[in-house]
Amino acid sequence: MHFWMSGRIDKGISDAIFRPVLLEVTETVKAEISGVDFGNLISSYDMVVNIFEGETSEKFWYQSKTKETDIDVTIHHDQYLKGDFNERCVIFLTSILHSIDQLKKNKKLKGFDFDLFHQKVSSLILRYKPTF
């Protein structure tokens, strides 16, 4: 399965604190899921994170003809600004987990292994948590 992630940010979020996190998380997830068989129902897991001060709507769509998702998730603006690089990576990963949980409700996707996908993404959070 291909994984693609992009984002929309408001003027309060600079590209310098957004793009490195987006690239890090995207590449880390791609590496983690490479070669893993989740089933053939989703060929491309496509999602957009939205970071705005105001409310944004979320969507969790699936196109059965193309086997692609069309997902928009919201990341809390102030929480993102206050976080360091590692905390922002965790926020991104948490947004992916949220999208998995929401898309799992789609009855057309009963044969997709959401549990394994969730497990793979969850395991990445430990990379960005401080160890004591």
N, C-alpha and C. Protein backbone atom coordinates (compact mmCIF):
# COMPACT_ATOMS: atom_id res chain seq x y z
N MET A 1 0.85 -1.17 0.00
CA MET A 1 0.00 0.00 0.00
C MET A 1 0.90 1.24 0.00
N HIS A 2 0.52 2.17 -0.83
CA HIS A 2 1.22 3.46 -0.87
C HIS A 2 0.67 4.36 0.24
N PHE A 3 1.54 5.14 0.87
CA PHE A 3 1.11 6.10 1.89
C PHE A 3 1.51 7.49 1.44
N TRP A 4 0.55 8.41 1.45
CA TRP A 4 0.80 9.79 1.04
C TRP A 4 0.17 10.73 2.07
N MET A 5 0.92 11.76 2.44
CA MET A 5 0.42 12.73 3.41
C MET A 5 0.83 14.13 2.98
N SER A 6 -0.08 15.06 3.15
CA SER A 6 0.19 16.47 2.88
C SER A 6 -0.51 17.28 3.97
N GLY A 7 -0.49 18.59 3.82
CA GLY A 7 -1.13 19.40 4.84
C GLY A 7 -1.52 20.78 4.36
N ARG A 8 -2.38 21.38 5.16
CA ARG A 8 -2.79 22.77 4.97
C ARG A 8 -2.55 23.47 6.30
N ILE A 9 -1.89 24.62 6.24
CA ILE A 9 -1.56 25.34 7.46
C ILE A 9 -1.98 26.79 7.34
N ASP A 10 -2.28 27.41 8.48
CA ASP A 10 -2.60 28.83 8.43
C ASP A 10 -1.33 29.65 8.59
N LYS A 11 -1.47 30.95 8.51
CA LYS A 11 -0.29 31.82 8.50
C LYS A 11 0.49 31.79 9.81
N GLY A 12 -0.10 31.30 10.88
CA GLY A 12 0.59 31.21 12.16
C GLY A 12 1.57 30.04 12.27
N ILE A 13 1.51 29.13 11.31
CA ILE A 13 2.41 27.97 11.29
C ILE A 13 3.39 28.17 10.14
N SER A 14 4.65 28.28 10.45
CA SER A 14 5.64 28.48 9.39
C SER A 14 5.96 27.15 8.71
N ASP A 15 6.36 27.27 7.47
CA ASP A 15 6.76 26.09 6.71
C ASP A 15 7.95 25.40 7.39
N ALA A 16 8.79 26.18 8.06
CA ALA A 16 9.98 25.65 8.72
C ALA A 16 9.66 24.72 9.89
N ILE A 17 8.51 24.89 10.51
CA ILE A 17 8.14 23.97 11.60
C ILE A 17 7.11 22.94 11.15
N PHE A 18 6.65 23.07 9.92
CA PHE A 18 5.67 22.12 9.40
C PHE A 18 6.31 21.07 8.49
N ARG A 19 7.00 21.52 7.46
CA ARG A 19 7.51 20.61 6.44
C ARG A 19 8.47 19.53 6.96
N PRO A 20 9.44 19.86 7.84
CA PRO A 20 10.33 18.80 8.33
C PRO A 20 9.58 17.67 9.07
N VAL A 21 8.55 18.02 9.82
CA VAL A 21 7.75 17.02 10.53
C VAL A 21 6.96 16.19 9.53
N LEU A 22 6.34 16.85 8.56
CA LEU A 22 5.58 16.15 7.53
C LEU A 22 6.47 15.14 6.80
N LEU A 23 7.64 15.57 6.39
CA LEU A 23 8.55 14.68 5.66
C LEU A 23 9.05 13.53 6.54
N GLU A 24 9.40 13.84 7.77
CA GLU A 24 9.88 12.80 8.70
C GLU A 24 8.83 11.72 8.92
N VAL A 25 7.62 12.14 9.23
CA VAL A 25 6.56 11.18 9.53
C VAL A 25 6.17 10.39 8.28
N THR A 26 6.06 11.06 7.16
CA THR A 26 5.70 10.38 5.92
C THR A 26 6.72 9.30 5.58
N GLU A 27 7.99 9.64 5.62
CA GLU A 27 9.04 8.67 5.27
C GLU A 27 9.12 7.54 6.30
N THR A 28 8.93 7.86 7.57
CA THR A 28 8.97 6.84 8.62
C THR A 28 7.83 5.84 8.47
N VAL A 29 6.64 6.35 8.19
CA VAL A 29 5.48 5.46 8.00
C VAL A 29 5.69 4.61 6.75
N LYS A 30 6.13 5.23 5.67
CA LYS A 30 6.37 4.46 4.43
C LYS A 30 7.34 3.31 4.68
N ALA A 31 8.41 3.59 5.40
CA ALA A 31 9.40 2.55 5.68
C ALA A 31 8.81 1.45 6.55
N GLU A 32 7.99 1.82 7.52
CA GLU A 32 7.41 0.84 8.45
C GLU A 32 6.41 -0.08 7.76
N ILE A 33 5.66 0.43 6.80
CA ILE A 33 4.62 -0.38 6.18
C ILE A 33 5.05 -1.01 4.85
N SER A 34 6.25 -0.70 4.41
CA SER A 34 6.74 -1.24 3.14
C SER A 34 6.73 -2.77 3.15
N GLY A 35 6.08 -3.35 2.16
CA GLY A 35 6.04 -4.80 2.03
C GLY A 35 5.04 -5.50 2.93
N VAL A 36 4.33 -4.76 3.76
CA VAL A 36 3.34 -5.36 4.66
C VAL A 36 2.03 -5.56 3.90
N ASP A 37 1.40 -6.71 4.08
CA ASP A 37 0.14 -7.02 3.43
C ASP A 37 -1.02 -6.68 4.35
N PHE A 38 -1.73 -5.60 4.00
CA PHE A 38 -2.92 -5.20 4.77
C PHE A 38 -4.19 -5.65 4.07
N GLY A 39 -4.05 -6.34 2.97
CA GLY A 39 -5.19 -6.68 2.13
C GLY A 39 -5.14 -5.81 0.89
N ASN A 40 -6.03 -6.09 -0.06
CA ASN A 40 -5.97 -5.36 -1.33
C ASN A 40 -7.06 -4.32 -1.50
N LEU A 41 -7.75 -3.97 -0.45
CA LEU A 41 -8.85 -3.00 -0.58
C LEU A 41 -8.37 -1.56 -0.71
N ILE A 42 -7.21 -1.23 -0.14
CA ILE A 42 -6.68 0.13 -0.23
C ILE A 42 -5.32 0.06 -0.92
N SER A 43 -5.23 0.73 -2.07
CA SER A 43 -3.94 0.78 -2.77
C SER A 43 -3.15 2.02 -2.39
N SER A 44 -3.84 3.10 -2.01
CA SER A 44 -3.17 4.34 -1.62
C SER A 44 -3.91 4.99 -0.45
N TYR A 45 -3.20 5.11 0.67
CA TYR A 45 -3.76 5.75 1.86
C TYR A 45 -3.33 7.21 1.81
N ASP A 46 -4.26 8.07 1.40
CA ASP A 46 -3.97 9.49 1.17
C ASP A 46 -4.68 10.33 2.22
N MET A 47 -3.88 11.17 2.90
CA MET A 47 -4.49 12.02 3.92
C MET A 47 -3.85 13.40 3.96
N VAL A 48 -4.65 14.36 4.41
CA VAL A 48 -4.22 15.75 4.56
C VAL A 48 -4.47 16.14 6.01
N VAL A 49 -3.44 16.73 6.63
CA VAL A 49 -3.61 17.27 7.97
C VAL A 49 -3.88 18.77 7.84
N ASN A 50 -4.79 19.26 8.64
CA ASN A 50 -5.16 20.68 8.64
C ASN A 50 -4.80 21.27 9.99
N ILE A 51 -4.03 22.36 9.96
CA ILE A 51 -3.66 23.04 11.20
C ILE A 51 -4.06 24.50 11.06
N PHE A 52 -5.21 24.83 11.63
CA PHE A 52 -5.75 26.18 11.58
C PHE A 52 -6.23 26.57 12.97
N GLU A 53 -6.26 27.87 13.22
CA GLU A 53 -6.79 28.34 14.51
C GLU A 53 -8.27 28.05 14.63
N GLY A 54 -9.00 28.21 13.57
CA GLY A 54 -10.43 27.95 13.60
C GLY A 54 -10.74 26.48 13.37
N GLU A 55 -12.01 26.17 13.42
CA GLU A 55 -12.46 24.80 13.22
C GLU A 55 -12.33 24.40 11.75
N THR A 56 -11.95 23.17 11.52
CA THR A 56 -11.96 22.60 10.18
C THR A 56 -12.75 21.30 10.24
N SER A 57 -13.31 20.93 9.11
CA SER A 57 -14.08 19.69 9.10
C SER A 57 -13.17 18.53 8.70
N GLU A 58 -13.49 17.39 9.23
CA GLU A 58 -12.74 16.18 8.91
C GLU A 58 -13.57 15.32 7.97
N LYS A 59 -12.86 14.55 7.15
CA LYS A 59 -13.56 13.60 6.28
C LYS A 59 -12.72 12.33 6.19
N PHE A 60 -13.41 11.23 6.02
CA PHE A 60 -12.79 9.91 5.95
C PHE A 60 -13.47 9.13 4.83
N TRP A 61 -13.07 9.44 3.61
CA TRP A 61 -13.71 8.86 2.43
C TRP A 61 -12.86 7.76 1.84
N TYR A 62 -13.54 6.86 1.16
CA TYR A 62 -12.89 5.77 0.46
C TYR A 62 -13.52 5.63 -0.91
N GLN A 63 -12.68 5.57 -1.95
CA GLN A 63 -13.15 5.39 -3.32
C GLN A 63 -12.88 3.94 -3.72
N SER A 64 -13.93 3.15 -3.80
CA SER A 64 -13.75 1.72 -4.10
C SER A 64 -13.23 1.48 -5.52
N LYS A 65 -13.58 2.34 -6.47
CA LYS A 65 -13.10 2.15 -7.85
C LYS A 65 -11.59 2.30 -7.95
N THR A 66 -11.04 3.29 -7.26
CA THR A 66 -9.60 3.55 -7.34
C THR A 66 -8.84 2.92 -6.17
N LYS A 67 -9.58 2.46 -5.16
CA LYS A 67 -9.00 1.89 -3.94
C LYS A 67 -8.11 2.91 -3.21
N GLU A 68 -8.56 4.16 -3.21
CA GLU A 68 -7.82 5.23 -2.56
C GLU A 68 -8.67 5.87 -1.47
N THR A 69 -7.99 6.36 -0.45
CA THR A 69 -8.68 7.11 0.59
C THR A 69 -8.56 8.60 0.29
N ASP A 70 -9.45 9.35 0.86
CA ASP A 70 -9.44 10.82 0.78
C ASP A 70 -9.78 11.29 2.19
N ILE A 71 -8.73 11.58 2.95
CA ILE A 71 -8.88 11.84 4.38
C ILE A 71 -8.39 13.24 4.71
N ASP A 72 -9.18 13.97 5.49
CA ASP A 72 -8.77 15.24 6.08
C ASP A 72 -8.91 15.11 7.58
N VAL A 73 -7.83 15.38 8.31
CA VAL A 73 -7.87 15.38 9.77
C VAL A 73 -7.40 16.72 10.30
N THR A 74 -7.83 17.03 11.50
CA THR A 74 -7.49 18.29 12.13
C THR A 74 -6.45 18.07 13.23
N ILE A 75 -5.45 18.92 13.23
CA ILE A 75 -4.46 18.94 14.30
C ILE A 75 -4.66 20.23 15.08
N HIS A 76 -4.64 20.14 16.40
CA HIS A 76 -4.85 21.31 17.25
C HIS A 76 -3.72 22.33 17.05
N HIS A 77 -4.08 23.52 16.62
CA HIS A 77 -3.14 24.58 16.26
C HIS A 77 -2.17 24.92 17.39
N ASP A 78 -2.70 25.27 18.55
CA ASP A 78 -1.84 25.71 19.66
C ASP A 78 -0.96 24.59 20.19
N GLN A 79 -1.50 23.38 20.25
CA GLN A 79 -0.72 22.23 20.70
C GLN A 79 0.47 22.01 19.76
N TYR A 80 0.23 22.16 18.46
CA TYR A 80 1.30 21.98 17.49
C TYR A 80 2.37 23.05 17.66
N LEU A 81 1.95 24.28 17.83
CA LEU A 81 2.92 25.38 17.99
C LEU A 81 3.77 25.22 19.23
N LYS A 82 3.19 24.73 20.29
CA LYS A 82 3.91 24.59 21.57
C LYS A 82 4.87 23.40 21.59
N GLY A 83 4.68 22.45 20.69
CA GLY A 83 5.48 21.24 20.71
C GLY A 83 6.86 21.42 20.09
N ASP A 84 7.78 20.56 20.49
CA ASP A 84 9.07 20.52 19.81
C ASP A 84 8.95 19.54 18.64
N PHE A 85 10.04 19.31 17.94
CA PHE A 85 10.02 18.44 16.76
C PHE A 85 9.44 17.06 17.09
N ASN A 86 9.94 16.43 18.14
CA ASN A 86 9.47 15.09 18.49
C ASN A 86 7.99 15.09 18.87
N GLU A 87 7.57 16.09 19.63
CA GLU A 87 6.15 16.16 20.02
C GLU A 87 5.27 16.37 18.79
N ARG A 88 5.75 17.15 17.83
CA ARG A 88 4.98 17.36 16.60
C ARG A 88 4.88 16.07 15.80
N CYS A 89 5.94 15.29 15.79
CA CYS A 89 5.88 13.99 15.11
C CYS A 89 4.84 13.09 15.76
N VAL A 90 4.79 13.08 17.08
CA VAL A 90 3.77 12.29 17.80
C VAL A 90 2.38 12.79 17.46
N ILE A 91 2.20 14.09 17.35
CA ILE A 91 0.90 14.66 16.99
C ILE A 91 0.49 14.17 15.59
N PHE A 92 1.41 14.19 14.65
CA PHE A 92 1.12 13.70 13.31
C PHE A 92 0.75 12.21 13.34
N LEU A 93 1.55 11.42 14.04
CA LEU A 93 1.27 9.99 14.12
C LEU A 93 -0.09 9.72 14.77
N THR A 94 -0.41 10.50 15.79
CA THR A 94 -1.71 10.37 16.45
C THR A 94 -2.85 10.71 15.48
N SER A 95 -2.62 11.67 14.61
CA SER A 95 -3.65 12.02 13.63
C SER A 95 -3.85 10.87 12.62
N ILE A 96 -2.77 10.16 12.29
CA ILE A 96 -2.89 9.00 11.41
C ILE A 96 -3.70 7.91 12.12
N LEU A 97 -3.40 7.68 13.38
CA LEU A 97 -4.15 6.68 14.15
C LEU A 97 -5.63 7.04 14.22
N HIS A 98 -5.92 8.32 14.40
CA HIS A 98 -7.31 8.78 14.42
C HIS A 98 -7.98 8.47 13.08
N SER A 99 -7.26 8.71 11.98
CA SER A 99 -7.85 8.44 10.66
C SER A 99 -8.10 6.95 10.47
N ILE A 100 -7.20 6.12 10.96
CA ILE A 100 -7.38 4.67 10.86
C ILE A 100 -8.63 4.25 11.63
N ASP A 101 -8.77 4.77 12.85
CA ASP A 101 -9.94 4.43 13.67
C ASP A 101 -11.24 4.86 13.00
N GLN A 102 -11.24 6.01 12.36
CA GLN A 102 -12.45 6.49 11.70
C GLN A 102 -12.76 5.71 10.42
N LEU A 103 -11.73 5.46 9.62
CA LEU A 103 -11.94 4.76 8.36
C LEU A 103 -12.34 3.30 8.58
N LYS A 104 -11.91 2.76 9.69
CA LYS A 104 -12.24 1.37 10.03
C LYS A 104 -13.75 1.15 10.10
N LYS A 105 -14.51 2.19 10.34
CA LYS A 105 -15.97 2.10 10.45
C LYS A 105 -16.64 1.87 9.09
N ASN A 106 -15.91 2.08 8.01
CA ASN A 106 -16.47 1.93 6.67
C ASN A 106 -16.71 0.44 6.37
N LYS A 107 -17.96 0.10 6.14
CA LYS A 107 -18.34 -1.29 5.91
C LYS A 107 -17.73 -1.88 4.63
N LYS A 108 -17.36 -1.02 3.67
CA LYS A 108 -16.76 -1.50 2.42
C LYS A 108 -15.33 -2.00 2.65
N LEU A 109 -14.76 -1.72 3.82
CA LEU A 109 -13.36 -2.04 4.07
C LEU A 109 -13.17 -3.15 5.10
N LYS A 110 -14.15 -4.03 5.23
CA LYS A 110 -14.08 -5.10 6.23
C LYS A 110 -12.86 -6.01 6.05
N GLY A 111 -12.37 -6.16 4.83
CA GLY A 111 -11.25 -7.05 4.58
C GLY A 111 -9.88 -6.41 4.73
N PHE A 112 -9.84 -5.13 5.06
CA PHE A 112 -8.57 -4.44 5.24
C PHE A 112 -8.09 -4.65 6.68
N ASP A 113 -6.81 -4.89 6.86
CA ASP A 113 -6.27 -5.17 8.20
C ASP A 113 -5.91 -3.87 8.93
N PHE A 114 -6.96 -3.20 9.41
CA PHE A 114 -6.77 -1.95 10.14
C PHE A 114 -6.00 -2.17 11.44
N ASP A 115 -6.20 -3.31 12.08
CA ASP A 115 -5.50 -3.58 13.34
C ASP A 115 -3.99 -3.62 13.14
N LEU A 116 -3.55 -4.27 12.09
CA LEU A 116 -2.11 -4.33 11.80
C LEU A 116 -1.57 -2.96 11.42
N PHE A 117 -2.33 -2.21 10.62
CA PHE A 117 -1.92 -0.87 10.22
C PHE A 117 -1.80 0.03 11.46
N HIS A 118 -2.78 -0.05 12.34
CA HIS A 118 -2.77 0.71 13.58
C HIS A 118 -1.55 0.33 14.43
N GLN A 119 -1.29 -0.94 14.53
CA GLN A 119 -0.16 -1.43 15.31
C GLN A 119 1.17 -0.90 14.75
N LYS A 120 1.32 -0.93 13.43
CA LYS A 120 2.55 -0.45 12.79
C LYS A 120 2.77 1.04 13.06
N VAL A 121 1.72 1.83 12.92
CA VAL A 121 1.85 3.28 13.15
C VAL A 121 2.06 3.56 14.64
N SER A 122 1.35 2.86 15.51
CA SER A 122 1.52 3.04 16.96
C SER A 122 2.95 2.77 17.41
N SER A 123 3.57 1.78 16.81
CA SER A 123 4.93 1.42 17.21
C SER A 123 5.93 2.54 16.93
N LEU A 124 5.60 3.43 16.03
CA LEU A 124 6.50 4.52 15.67
C LEU A 124 6.53 5.63 16.73
N ILE A 125 5.48 5.73 17.51
CA ILE A 125 5.40 6.80 18.52
C ILE A 125 6.57 6.71 19.50
N LEU A 126 6.98 5.51 19.84
CA LEU A 126 8.08 5.33 20.80
C LEU A 126 9.39 5.97 20.33
N ARG A 127 9.57 6.08 19.03
CA ARG A 127 10.79 6.71 18.49
C ARG A 127 10.90 8.18 18.89
N TYR A 128 9.77 8.79 19.14
CA TYR A 128 9.74 10.23 19.39
C TYR A 128 9.45 10.61 20.84
N LYS A 129 9.27 9.61 21.68
CA LYS A 129 9.05 9.84 23.12
C LYS A 129 10.39 9.84 23.84
N PRO A 130 10.59 10.74 24.78
CA PRO A 130 11.86 10.72 25.53
C PRO A 130 11.97 9.48 26.41
N THR A 131 13.17 8.96 26.52
CA THR A 131 13.40 7.81 27.42
C THR A 131 14.10 8.32 28.66
N PHE A 132 13.69 7.78 29.79
CA PHE A 132 14.27 8.22 31.07
C PHE A 132 15.02 7.08 31.71
